N, C-alpha and C. Protein backbone atom coordinates (compact mmCIF):
# COMPACT_ATOMS: atom_id res chain seq x y z
N MET A 1 32.41 10.02 5.87
CA MET A 1 31.32 9.67 4.97
C MET A 1 30.38 8.65 5.61
N THR A 2 30.93 7.69 6.33
CA THR A 2 30.07 6.68 6.95
C THR A 2 29.21 7.28 8.04
N ASN A 3 29.75 8.27 8.76
CA ASN A 3 28.94 8.92 9.80
C ASN A 3 27.74 9.63 9.18
N PHE A 4 27.96 10.24 8.03
CA PHE A 4 26.86 10.92 7.34
C PHE A 4 25.79 9.91 6.91
N LEU A 5 26.21 8.75 6.40
CA LEU A 5 25.25 7.74 5.98
C LEU A 5 24.46 7.21 7.16
N VAL A 6 25.13 6.99 8.28
CA VAL A 6 24.42 6.52 9.48
C VAL A 6 23.41 7.57 9.92
N PHE A 7 23.82 8.84 9.92
CA PHE A 7 22.92 9.92 10.31
C PHE A 7 21.73 10.00 9.34
N GLU A 8 22.01 9.88 8.04
CA GLU A 8 20.94 9.96 7.05
C GLU A 8 19.95 8.81 7.21
N ILE A 9 20.44 7.62 7.47
CA ILE A 9 19.57 6.47 7.70
C ILE A 9 18.72 6.69 8.95
N GLN A 10 19.32 7.26 10.00
CA GLN A 10 18.54 7.54 11.21
C GLN A 10 17.43 8.55 10.93
N VAL A 11 17.74 9.56 10.11
CA VAL A 11 16.72 10.56 9.77
C VAL A 11 15.58 9.91 8.99
N TRP A 12 15.91 9.06 8.01
CA TRP A 12 14.88 8.40 7.23
C TRP A 12 14.05 7.45 8.09
N LEU A 13 14.68 6.74 9.00
CA LEU A 13 13.92 5.86 9.89
C LEU A 13 13.00 6.65 10.81
N PHE A 14 13.49 7.80 11.29
CA PHE A 14 12.65 8.65 12.13
C PHE A 14 11.45 9.16 11.35
N LEU A 15 11.68 9.59 10.10
CA LEU A 15 10.57 10.08 9.28
C LEU A 15 9.58 8.96 8.97
N LEU A 16 10.09 7.77 8.71
CA LEU A 16 9.21 6.63 8.46
C LEU A 16 8.38 6.31 9.69
N LEU A 17 9.00 6.33 10.85
CA LEU A 17 8.28 6.08 12.10
C LEU A 17 7.23 7.16 12.33
N LEU A 18 7.58 8.40 12.03
CA LEU A 18 6.63 9.51 12.19
C LEU A 18 5.42 9.33 11.27
N VAL A 19 5.66 8.92 10.03
CA VAL A 19 4.55 8.69 9.09
C VAL A 19 3.67 7.54 9.57
N ILE A 20 4.29 6.47 10.08
CA ILE A 20 3.51 5.33 10.57
C ILE A 20 2.65 5.74 11.76
N VAL A 21 3.22 6.50 12.69
CA VAL A 21 2.47 6.93 13.87
C VAL A 21 1.33 7.86 13.47
N LEU A 22 1.61 8.81 12.58
CA LEU A 22 0.54 9.73 12.15
C LEU A 22 -0.55 9.00 11.38
N GLY A 23 -0.15 8.01 10.58
CA GLY A 23 -1.14 7.20 9.88
C GLY A 23 -2.01 6.42 10.85
N GLY A 24 -1.40 5.87 11.88
CA GLY A 24 -2.16 5.14 12.90
C GLY A 24 -3.13 6.05 13.63
N LEU A 25 -2.68 7.26 13.94
CA LEU A 25 -3.58 8.21 14.60
C LEU A 25 -4.74 8.60 13.68
N ALA A 26 -4.45 8.77 12.40
CA ALA A 26 -5.51 9.13 11.45
C ALA A 26 -6.53 8.00 11.33
N VAL A 27 -6.06 6.77 11.26
CA VAL A 27 -6.98 5.63 11.17
C VAL A 27 -7.81 5.52 12.45
N GLY A 28 -7.17 5.70 13.60
CA GLY A 28 -7.89 5.66 14.87
C GLY A 28 -8.94 6.76 14.96
N ALA A 29 -8.59 7.95 14.50
CA ALA A 29 -9.56 9.05 14.53
C ALA A 29 -10.73 8.77 13.59
N TRP A 30 -10.44 8.16 12.44
CA TRP A 30 -11.51 7.84 11.48
C TRP A 30 -12.48 6.81 12.07
N PHE A 31 -11.93 5.75 12.68
CA PHE A 31 -12.80 4.75 13.30
C PHE A 31 -13.56 5.33 14.48
N GLY A 32 -12.92 6.18 15.27
CA GLY A 32 -13.60 6.82 16.39
C GLY A 32 -14.74 7.72 15.92
N TRP A 33 -14.49 8.50 14.87
CA TRP A 33 -15.52 9.38 14.31
C TRP A 33 -16.70 8.57 13.79
N ARG A 34 -16.39 7.46 13.10
CA ARG A 34 -17.45 6.59 12.57
C ARG A 34 -18.28 6.01 13.71
N HIS A 35 -17.61 5.58 14.78
CA HIS A 35 -18.31 5.02 15.93
C HIS A 35 -19.22 6.06 16.57
N LEU A 36 -18.72 7.29 16.73
CA LEU A 36 -19.54 8.34 17.33
C LEU A 36 -20.75 8.68 16.46
N LYS A 37 -20.57 8.70 15.14
CA LYS A 37 -21.71 8.98 14.26
C LYS A 37 -22.77 7.91 14.37
N LYS A 38 -22.35 6.63 14.42
CA LYS A 38 -23.33 5.54 14.56
C LYS A 38 -24.04 5.63 15.90
N ARG A 39 -23.27 5.93 16.95
CA ARG A 39 -23.87 6.03 18.29
C ARG A 39 -24.86 7.18 18.35
N GLU A 40 -24.50 8.32 17.77
CA GLU A 40 -25.41 9.45 17.77
C GLU A 40 -26.67 9.15 16.98
N ALA A 41 -26.53 8.46 15.85
CA ALA A 41 -27.70 8.11 15.03
C ALA A 41 -28.63 7.17 15.79
N SER A 42 -28.06 6.19 16.49
CA SER A 42 -28.91 5.27 17.24
C SER A 42 -29.58 5.97 18.41
N LEU A 43 -28.87 6.88 19.06
CA LEU A 43 -29.50 7.64 20.15
C LEU A 43 -30.62 8.53 19.63
N ARG A 44 -30.37 9.19 18.50
CA ARG A 44 -31.40 10.05 17.92
C ARG A 44 -32.62 9.24 17.51
N GLU A 45 -32.39 8.06 16.95
CA GLU A 45 -33.50 7.20 16.54
C GLU A 45 -34.30 6.74 17.77
N SER A 46 -33.60 6.40 18.84
CA SER A 46 -34.31 5.93 20.04
C SER A 46 -35.10 7.06 20.69
N ILE A 47 -34.63 8.29 20.54
CA ILE A 47 -35.37 9.43 21.10
C ILE A 47 -36.58 9.75 20.24
N GLU A 48 -36.43 9.72 18.92
CA GLU A 48 -37.53 10.07 18.02
C GLU A 48 -38.61 9.00 17.96
N THR A 49 -38.25 7.75 18.15
CA THR A 49 -39.22 6.67 18.08
C THR A 49 -40.00 6.61 19.39
N PRO A 50 -41.31 6.80 19.33
CA PRO A 50 -42.09 6.74 20.58
C PRO A 50 -42.14 5.31 21.11
N ARG A 51 -41.95 5.21 22.40
CA ARG A 51 -42.02 3.89 23.03
C ARG A 51 -43.48 3.50 23.25
N PRO A 52 -43.79 2.24 23.09
CA PRO A 52 -45.18 1.82 23.35
C PRO A 52 -45.52 1.98 24.83
N ARG A 53 -46.72 2.49 25.07
CA ARG A 53 -47.14 2.69 26.46
C ARG A 53 -47.65 1.38 27.05
N ILE A 54 -47.28 1.16 28.28
CA ILE A 54 -47.74 -0.04 28.98
C ILE A 54 -48.94 0.36 29.83
N ARG A 55 -50.07 -0.32 29.62
CA ARG A 55 -51.29 0.03 30.36
C ARG A 55 -51.50 -0.89 31.52
């Protein structure tokens, strides 16, 4: 019985670790996506805005 409890605790800890890692990856992907959208918007704005000509 104790071996089963140890095994069950190991399974739950593994699942908890898996959820934490996947959550971290999801948060990282969200921040990365947000950063890329801001970067693309600033690049698009700099392309669309005409630069003043130097005479």
